[in-house]
Amino acid sequence: MNKKKLGKILVIISIMLLLTGWYFNHFIWGIILYLPFNMLFSELFNEIYLSYCLSMMLIYFLMGYLGIKLWLGENKLD
């Protein structure tokens, strides 16, 4: 797979995750991470959840940035 095609795919995936990211973050949080964090850190539960959602959205932005760099940027290594 060439880098431009990989960049397009990364941009599309990151846009879809940013548009529906809050739902997916809530789904992952509710199924996988809710019980351990709620039982261990019940006072800090809302802050941990908010930081988790913001960090996942940052990952989506970084994935989109990488996709744009691969799709539109000129690579000096080629």
PDB file of N, CA and C in Angstrom:
ATOM      1  N   MET A   1       0.847  -1.166   0.000  1.00  0.00           N
ATOM      2  CA  MET A   1       0.000   0.000   0.000  1.00  0.00           C
ATOM      3  C   MET A   1       0.902   1.242   0.000  1.00  0.00           C
ATOM      4  N   ASN A   2       0.633   2.150  -0.905  1.00  0.00           N
ATOM      5  CA  ASN A   2       1.467   3.356  -0.953  1.00  0.00           C
ATOM      6  C   ASN A   2       1.061   4.341   0.140  1.00  0.00           C
ATOM      7  N   LYS A   3       1.921   5.328   0.359  1.00  0.00           N
ATOM      8  CA  LYS A   3       1.729   6.244   1.488  1.00  0.00           C
ATOM      9  C   LYS A   3       0.547   7.175   1.284  1.00  0.00           C
ATOM     10  N   LYS A   4       0.251   7.559   0.048  1.00  0.00           N
ATOM     11  CA  LYS A   4      -0.891   8.454  -0.181  1.00  0.00           C
ATOM     12  C   LYS A   4      -2.211   7.747   0.129  1.00  0.00           C
ATOM     13  N   LYS A   5      -2.305   6.481  -0.269  1.00  0.00           N
ATOM     14  CA  LYS A   5      -3.526   5.731   0.012  1.00  0.00           C
ATOM     15  C   LYS A   5      -3.675   5.490   1.519  1.00  0.00           C
ATOM     16  N   LEU A   6      -2.576   5.170   2.182  1.00  0.00           N
ATOM     17  CA  LEU A   6      -2.610   4.999   3.630  1.00  0.00           C
ATOM     18  C   LEU A   6      -3.007   6.302   4.323  1.00  0.00           C
ATOM     19  N   GLY A   7      -2.514   7.431   3.817  1.00  0.00           N
ATOM     20  CA  GLY A   7      -2.881   8.724   4.378  1.00  0.00           C
ATOM     21  C   GLY A   7      -4.358   9.015   4.232  1.00  0.00           C
ATOM     22  N   LYS A   8      -4.928   8.709   3.048  1.00  0.00           N
ATOM     23  CA  LYS A   8      -6.370   8.912   2.848  1.00  0.00           C
ATOM     24  C   LYS A   8      -7.184   8.063   3.821  1.00  0.00           C
ATOM     25  N   ILE A   9      -6.764   6.814   3.992  1.00  0.00           N
ATOM     26  CA  ILE A   9      -7.492   5.919   4.891  1.00  0.00           C
ATOM     27  C   ILE A   9      -7.415   6.425   6.329  1.00  0.00           C
ATOM     28  N   LEU A  10      -6.240   6.886   6.754  1.00  0.00           N
ATOM     29  CA  LEU A  10      -6.101   7.417   8.110  1.00  0.00           C
ATOM     30  C   LEU A  10      -6.955   8.663   8.323  1.00  0.00           C
ATOM     31  N   VAL A  11      -7.025   9.528   7.316  1.00  0.00           N
ATOM     32  CA  VAL A  11      -7.851  10.735   7.439  1.00  0.00           C
ATOM     33  C   VAL A  11      -9.322  10.363   7.550  1.00  0.00           C
ATOM     34  N   ILE A  12      -9.779   9.435   6.733  1.00  0.00           N
ATOM     35  CA  ILE A  12     -11.185   9.018   6.775  1.00  0.00           C
ATOM     36  C   ILE A  12     -11.518   8.381   8.123  1.00  0.00           C
ATOM     37  N   ILE A  13     -10.639   7.506   8.603  1.00  0.00           N
ATOM     38  CA  ILE A  13     -10.889   6.859   9.892  1.00  0.00           C
ATOM     39  C   ILE A  13     -10.899   7.881  11.024  1.00  0.00           C
ATOM     40  N   SER A  14      -9.956   8.817  10.989  1.00  0.00           N
ATOM     41  CA  SER A  14      -9.909   9.798  12.079  1.00  0.00           C
ATOM     42  C   SER A  14     -11.116  10.732  12.050  1.00  0.00           C
ATOM     43  N   ILE A  15     -11.599  11.099  10.868  1.00  0.00           N
ATOM     44  CA  ILE A  15     -12.804  11.937  10.790  1.00  0.00           C
ATOM     45  C   ILE A  15     -14.014  11.179  11.327  1.00  0.00           C
ATOM     46  N   MET A  16     -14.136   9.915  10.956  1.00  0.00           N
ATOM     47  CA  MET A  16     -15.258   9.123  11.459  1.00  0.00           C
ATOM     48  C   MET A  16     -15.184   8.957  12.977  1.00  0.00           C
ATOM     49  N   LEU A  17     -13.984   8.726  13.497  1.00  0.00           N
ATOM     50  CA  LEU A  17     -13.851   8.573  14.943  1.00  0.00           C
ATOM     51  C   LEU A  17     -14.085   9.887  15.675  1.00  0.00           C
ATOM     52  N   LEU A  18     -13.691  11.004  15.070  1.00  0.00           N
ATOM     53  CA  LEU A  18     -13.965  12.289  15.712  1.00  0.00           C
ATOM     54  C   LEU A  18     -15.453  12.610  15.710  1.00  0.00           C
ATOM     55  N   LEU A  19     -16.152  12.238  14.641  1.00  0.00           N
ATOM     56  CA  LEU A  19     -17.589  12.513  14.583  1.00  0.00           C
ATOM     57  C   LEU A  19     -18.380  11.618  15.533  1.00  0.00           C
ATOM     58  N   THR A  20     -17.934  10.381  15.690  1.00  0.00           N
ATOM     59  CA  THR A  20     -18.650   9.442  16.556  1.00  0.00           C
ATOM     60  C   THR A  20     -17.818   9.057  17.769  1.00  0.00           C
ATOM     61  N   GLY A  21     -16.742   9.797  18.028  1.00  0.00           N
ATOM     62  CA  GLY A  21     -15.789   9.409  19.054  1.00  0.00           C
ATOM     63  C   GLY A  21     -16.342   9.393  20.453  1.00  0.00           C
ATOM     64  N   TRP A  22     -17.209  10.330  20.769  1.00  0.00           N
ATOM     65  CA  TRP A  22     -17.737  10.367  22.121  1.00  0.00           C
ATOM     66  C   TRP A  22     -18.537   9.106  22.413  1.00  0.00           C
ATOM     67  N   TYR A  23     -19.264   8.605  21.413  1.00  0.00           N
ATOM     68  CA  TYR A  23     -20.024   7.366  21.595  1.00  0.00           C
ATOM     69  C   TYR A  23     -19.086   6.187  21.793  1.00  0.00           C
ATOM     70  N   PHE A  24     -18.049   6.086  20.946  1.00  0.00           N
ATOM     71  CA  PHE A  24     -17.127   4.961  21.075  1.00  0.00           C
ATOM     72  C   PHE A  24     -16.344   5.036  22.380  1.00  0.00           C
ATOM     73  N   ASN A  25     -15.949   6.241  22.790  1.00  0.00           N
ATOM     74  CA  ASN A  25     -15.257   6.385  24.069  1.00  0.00           C
ATOM     75  C   ASN A  25     -16.155   5.945  25.217  1.00  0.00           C
ATOM     76  N   HIS A  26     -17.419   6.341  25.161  1.00  0.00           N
ATOM     77  CA  HIS A  26     -18.355   5.967  26.215  1.00  0.00           C
ATOM     78  C   HIS A  26     -18.604   4.463  26.208  1.00  0.00           C
ATOM     79  N   PHE A  27     -18.675   3.863  25.017  1.00  0.00           N
ATOM     80  CA  PHE A  27     -18.894   2.426  24.893  1.00  0.00           C
ATOM     81  C   PHE A  27     -17.720   1.653  25.488  1.00  0.00           C
ATOM     82  N   ILE A  28     -16.491   2.036  25.122  1.00  0.00           N
ATOM     83  CA  ILE A  28     -15.306   1.359  25.653  1.00  0.00           C
ATOM     84  C   ILE A  28     -15.215   1.574  27.160  1.00  0.00           C
ATOM     85  N   TRP A  29     -15.470   2.805  27.589  1.00  0.00           N
ATOM     86  CA  TRP A  29     -15.394   3.112  29.013  1.00  0.00           C
ATOM     87  C   TRP A  29     -16.429   2.314  29.794  1.00  0.00           C
ATOM     88  N   GLY A  30     -17.647   2.263  29.283  1.00  0.00           N
ATOM     89  CA  GLY A  30     -18.715   1.589  30.010  1.00  0.00           C
ATOM     90  C   GLY A  30     -18.527   0.097  30.117  1.00  0.00           C
ATOM     91  N   ILE A  31     -17.938  -0.518  29.109  1.00  0.00           N
ATOM     92  CA  ILE A  31     -17.802  -1.972  29.122  1.00  0.00           C
ATOM     93  C   ILE A  31     -16.501  -2.422  29.775  1.00  0.00           C
ATOM     94  N   ILE A  32     -15.397  -1.781  29.427  1.00  0.00           N
ATOM     95  CA  ILE A  32     -14.095  -2.284  29.859  1.00  0.00           C
ATOM     96  C   ILE A  32     -13.592  -1.607  31.129  1.00  0.00           C
ATOM     97  N   LEU A  33     -13.734  -0.288  31.218  1.00  0.00           N
ATOM     98  CA  LEU A  33     -13.034   0.453  32.257  1.00  0.00           C
ATOM     99  C   LEU A  33     -13.906   0.943  33.405  1.00  0.00           C
ATOM    100  N   TYR A  34     -15.207   0.789  33.307  1.00  0.00           N
ATOM    101  CA  TYR A  34     -16.087   1.377  34.324  1.00  0.00           C
ATOM    102  C   TYR A  34     -15.877   0.758  35.704  1.00  0.00           C
ATOM    103  N   LEU A  35     -15.966  -0.553  35.794  1.00  0.00           N
ATOM    104  CA  LEU A  35     -15.916  -1.195  37.105  1.00  0.00           C
ATOM    105  C   LEU A  35     -14.592  -1.003  37.835  1.00  0.00           C
ATOM    106  N   PRO A  36     -13.441  -1.242  37.197  1.00  0.00           N
ATOM    107  CA  PRO A  36     -12.205  -1.055  37.978  1.00  0.00           C
ATOM    108  C   PRO A  36     -11.993   0.381  38.439  1.00  0.00           C
ATOM    109  N   PHE A  37     -12.244   1.351  37.564  1.00  0.00           N
ATOM    110  CA  PHE A  37     -12.009   2.734  37.957  1.00  0.00           C
ATOM    111  C   PHE A  37     -13.056   3.231  38.942  1.00  0.00           C
ATOM    112  N   ASN A  38     -14.276   2.778  38.807  1.00  0.00           N
ATOM    113  CA  ASN A  38     -15.315   3.221  39.734  1.00  0.00           C
ATOM    114  C   ASN A  38     -15.103   2.616  41.116  1.00  0.00           C
ATOM    115  N   MET A  39     -14.630   1.385  41.169  1.00  0.00           N
ATOM    116  CA  MET A  39     -14.417   0.750  42.459  1.00  0.00           C
ATOM    117  C   MET A  39     -13.151   1.272  43.143  1.00  0.00           C
ATOM    118  N   LEU A  40     -12.105   1.546  42.376  1.00  0.00           N
ATOM    119  CA  LEU A  40     -10.841   1.972  42.978  1.00  0.00           C
ATOM    120  C   LEU A  40     -10.801   3.463  43.278  1.00  0.00           C
ATOM    121  N   PHE A  41     -11.325   4.260  42.353  1.00  0.00           N
ATOM    122  CA  PHE A  41     -11.225   5.714  42.482  1.00  0.00           C
ATOM    123  C   PHE A  41     -12.606   6.344  42.369  1.00  0.00           C
ATOM    124  N   SER A  42     -13.458   6.069  43.315  1.00  0.00           N
ATOM    125  CA  SER A  42     -14.844   6.527  43.179  1.00  0.00           C
ATOM    126  C   SER A  42     -14.968   8.048  43.273  1.00  0.00           C
ATOM    127  N   GLU A  43     -14.087   8.717  44.027  1.00  0.00           N
ATOM    128  CA  GLU A  43     -14.181  10.182  44.120  1.00  0.00           C
ATOM    129  C   GLU A  43     -13.679  10.866  42.856  1.00  0.00           C
ATOM    130  N   LEU A  44     -12.718  10.251  42.191  1.00  0.00           N
ATOM    131  CA  LEU A  44     -12.115  10.861  40.999  1.00  0.00           C
ATOM    132  C   LEU A  44     -12.677  10.298  39.700  1.00  0.00           C
ATOM    133  N   PHE A  45     -13.811   9.624  39.780  1.00  0.00           N
ATOM    134  CA  PHE A  45     -14.334   8.915  38.612  1.00  0.00           C
ATOM    135  C   PHE A  45     -14.630   9.851  37.448  1.00  0.00           C
ATOM    136  N   ASN A  46     -15.284  10.983  37.693  1.00  0.00           N
ATOM    137  CA  ASN A  46     -15.636  11.904  36.607  1.00  0.00           C
ATOM    138  C   ASN A  46     -14.405  12.531  35.977  1.00  0.00           C
ATOM    139  N   GLU A  47     -13.404  12.864  36.783  1.00  0.00           N
ATOM    140  CA  GLU A  47     -12.184  13.453  36.241  1.00  0.00           C
ATOM    141  C   GLU A  47     -11.405  12.446  35.400  1.00  0.00           C
ATOM    142  N   ILE A  48     -11.375  11.198  35.857  1.00  0.00           N
ATOM    143  CA  ILE A  48     -10.682  10.160  35.087  1.00  0.00           C
ATOM    144  C   ILE A  48     -11.398   9.925  33.765  1.00  0.00           C
ATOM    145  N   TYR A  49     -12.729   9.899  33.802  1.00  0.00           N
ATOM    146  CA  TYR A  49     -13.493   9.702  32.570  1.00  0.00           C
ATOM    147  C   TYR A  49     -13.275  10.853  31.588  1.00  0.00           C
ATOM    148  N   LEU A  50     -13.284  12.083  32.075  1.00  0.00           N
ATOM    149  CA  LEU A  50     -13.067  13.232  31.206  1.00  0.00           C
ATOM    150  C   LEU A  50     -11.662  13.216  30.610  1.00  0.00           C
ATOM    151  N   SER A  51     -10.662  12.896  31.408  1.00  0.00           N
ATOM    152  CA  SER A  51      -9.296  12.848  30.875  1.00  0.00           C
ATOM    153  C   SER A  51      -9.139  11.711  29.876  1.00  0.00           C
ATOM    154  N   TYR A  52      -9.829  10.599  30.108  1.00  0.00           N
ATOM    155  CA  TYR A  52      -9.802   9.497  29.145  1.00  0.00           C
ATOM    156  C   TYR A  52     -10.405   9.937  27.809  1.00  0.00           C
ATOM    157  N   CYS A  53     -11.559  10.585  27.835  1.00  0.00           N
ATOM    158  CA  CYS A  53     -12.209  11.019  26.592  1.00  0.00           C
ATOM    159  C   CYS A  53     -11.366  12.053  25.854  1.00  0.00           C
ATOM    160  N   LEU A  54     -10.792  12.996  26.581  1.00  0.00           N
ATOM    161  CA  LEU A  54      -9.959  14.010  25.933  1.00  0.00           C
ATOM    162  C   LEU A  54      -8.691  13.403  25.343  1.00  0.00           C
ATOM    163  N   SER A  55      -8.105  12.436  26.026  1.00  0.00           N
ATOM    164  CA  SER A  55      -6.901  11.810  25.477  1.00  0.00           C
ATOM    165  C   SER A  55      -7.226  10.992  24.230  1.00  0.00           C
ATOM    166  N   MET A  56      -8.380  10.339  24.203  1.00  0.00           N
ATOM    167  CA  MET A  56      -8.756   9.591  23.002  1.00  0.00           C
ATOM    168  C   MET A  56      -9.021  10.546  21.842  1.00  0.00           C
ATOM    169  N   MET A  57      -9.639  11.691  22.107  1.00  0.00           N
ATOM    170  CA  MET A  57      -9.859  12.655  21.035  1.00  0.00           C
ATOM    171  C   MET A  57      -8.533  13.227  20.537  1.00  0.00           C
ATOM    172  N   LEU A  58      -7.563  13.412  21.422  1.00  0.00           N
ATOM    173  CA  LEU A  58      -6.232  13.853  21.005  1.00  0.00           C
ATOM    174  C   LEU A  58      -5.575  12.813  20.106  1.00  0.00           C
ATOM    175  N   ILE A  59      -5.750  11.546  20.436  1.00  0.00           N
ATOM    176  CA  ILE A  59      -5.204  10.483  19.586  1.00  0.00           C
ATOM    177  C   ILE A  59      -5.853  10.525  18.210  1.00  0.00           C
ATOM    178  N   TYR A  60      -7.163  10.786  18.144  1.00  0.00           N
ATOM    179  CA  TYR A  60      -7.833  10.877  16.846  1.00  0.00           C
ATOM    180  C   TYR A  60      -7.302  12.055  16.035  1.00  0.00           C
ATOM    181  N   PHE A  61      -7.067  13.198  16.691  1.00  0.00           N
ATOM    182  CA  PHE A  61      -6.494  14.355  15.996  1.00  0.00           C
ATOM    183  C   PHE A  61      -5.091  14.050  15.478  1.00  0.00           C
ATOM    184  N   LEU A  62      -4.278  13.396  16.290  1.00  0.00           N
ATOM    185  CA  LEU A  62      -2.920  13.059  15.859  1.00  0.00           C
ATOM    186  C   LEU A  62      -2.930  12.057  14.708  1.00  0.00           C
ATOM    187  N   MET A  63      -3.878  11.120  14.734  1.00  0.00           N
ATOM    188  CA  MET A  63      -3.987  10.173  13.637  1.00  0.00           C
ATOM    189  C   MET A  63      -4.401  10.890  12.353  1.00  0.00           C
ATOM    190  N   GLY A  64      -5.299  11.858  12.453  1.00  0.00           N
ATOM    191  CA  GLY A  64      -5.683  12.652  11.287  1.00  0.00           C
ATOM    192  C   GLY A  64      -4.538  13.494  10.773  1.00  0.00           C
ATOM    193  N   TYR A  65      -3.749  14.065  11.680  1.00  0.00           N
ATOM    194  CA  TYR A  65      -2.583  14.857  11.278  1.00  0.00           C
ATOM    195  C   TYR A  65      -1.570  13.987  10.536  1.00  0.00           C
ATOM    196  N   LEU A  66      -1.326  12.791  11.053  1.00  0.00           N
ATOM    197  CA  LEU A  66      -0.414  11.875  10.369  1.00  0.00           C
ATOM    198  C   LEU A  66      -0.956  11.495   9.000  1.00  0.00           C
ATOM    199  N   GLY A  67      -2.266  11.261   8.911  1.00  0.00           N
ATOM    200  CA  GLY A  67      -2.866  10.931   7.624  1.00  0.00           C
ATOM    201  C   GLY A  67      -2.730  12.055   6.618  1.00  0.00           C
ATOM    202  N   ILE A  68      -2.928  13.299   7.060  1.00  0.00           N
ATOM    203  CA  ILE A  68      -2.780  14.444   6.154  1.00  0.00           C
ATOM    204  C   ILE A  68      -1.332  14.595   5.719  1.00  0.00           C
ATOM    205  N   LYS A  69      -0.396  14.385   6.658  1.00  0.00           N
ATOM    206  CA  LYS A  69       1.025  14.478   6.304  1.00  0.00           C
ATOM    207  C   LYS A  69       1.401  13.410   5.277  1.00  0.00           C
ATOM    208  N   LEU A  70       0.873  12.207   5.431  1.00  0.00           N
ATOM    209  CA  LEU A  70       1.179  11.145   4.471  1.00  0.00           C
ATOM    210  C   LEU A  70       0.482  11.380   3.141  1.00  0.00           C
ATOM    211  N   TRP A  71      -0.738  11.893   3.184  1.00  0.00           N
ATOM    212  CA  TRP A  71      -1.536  12.055   1.979  1.00  0.00           C
ATOM    213  C   TRP A  71      -1.054  13.230   1.140  1.00  0.00           C
ATOM    214  N   LEU A  72      -0.813  14.364   1.766  1.00  0.00           N
ATOM    215  CA  LEU A  72      -0.489  15.571   1.018  1.00  0.00           C
ATOM    216  C   LEU A  72       0.991  15.934   1.044  1.00  0.00           C
ATOM    217  N   GLY A  73       1.694  15.450   2.039  1.00  0.00           N
ATOM    218  CA  GLY A  73       3.083  15.868   2.203  1.00  0.00           C
ATOM    219  C   GLY A  73       4.027  15.132   1.272  1.00  0.00           C
ATOM    220  N   GLU A  74       5.131  15.789   0.996  1.00  0.00           N
ATOM    221  CA  GLU A  74       6.180  15.153   0.219  1.00  0.00           C
ATOM    222  C   GLU A  74       7.159  14.524   1.188  1.00  0.00           C
ATOM    223  N   ASN A  75       7.450  13.269   0.955  1.00  0.00           N
ATOM    224  CA  ASN A  75       8.363  12.566   1.833  1.00  0.00           C
ATOM    225  C   ASN A  75       9.777  12.692   1.287  1.00  0.00           C
ATOM    226  N   LYS A  76      10.686  13.105   2.103  1.00  0.00           N
ATOM    227  CA  LYS A  76      12.058  13.312   1.661  1.00  0.00           C
ATOM    228  C   LYS A  76      12.825  11.995   1.543  1.00  0.00           C
ATOM    229  N   LEU A  77      12.282  10.922   2.088  1.00  0.00           N
ATOM    230  CA  LEU A  77      12.968   9.636   2.027  1.00  0.00           C
ATOM    231  C   LEU A  77      12.725   8.906   0.715  1.00  0.00           C
ATOM    232  N   ASP A  78      11.699   9.280  -0.035  1.00  0.00           N
ATOM    233  CA  ASP A  78      11.398   8.585  -1.297  1.00  0.00           C
ATOM    234  C   ASP A  78      12.360   8.970  -2.388  1.00  0.00           C
TER     235      ASP A  78
END
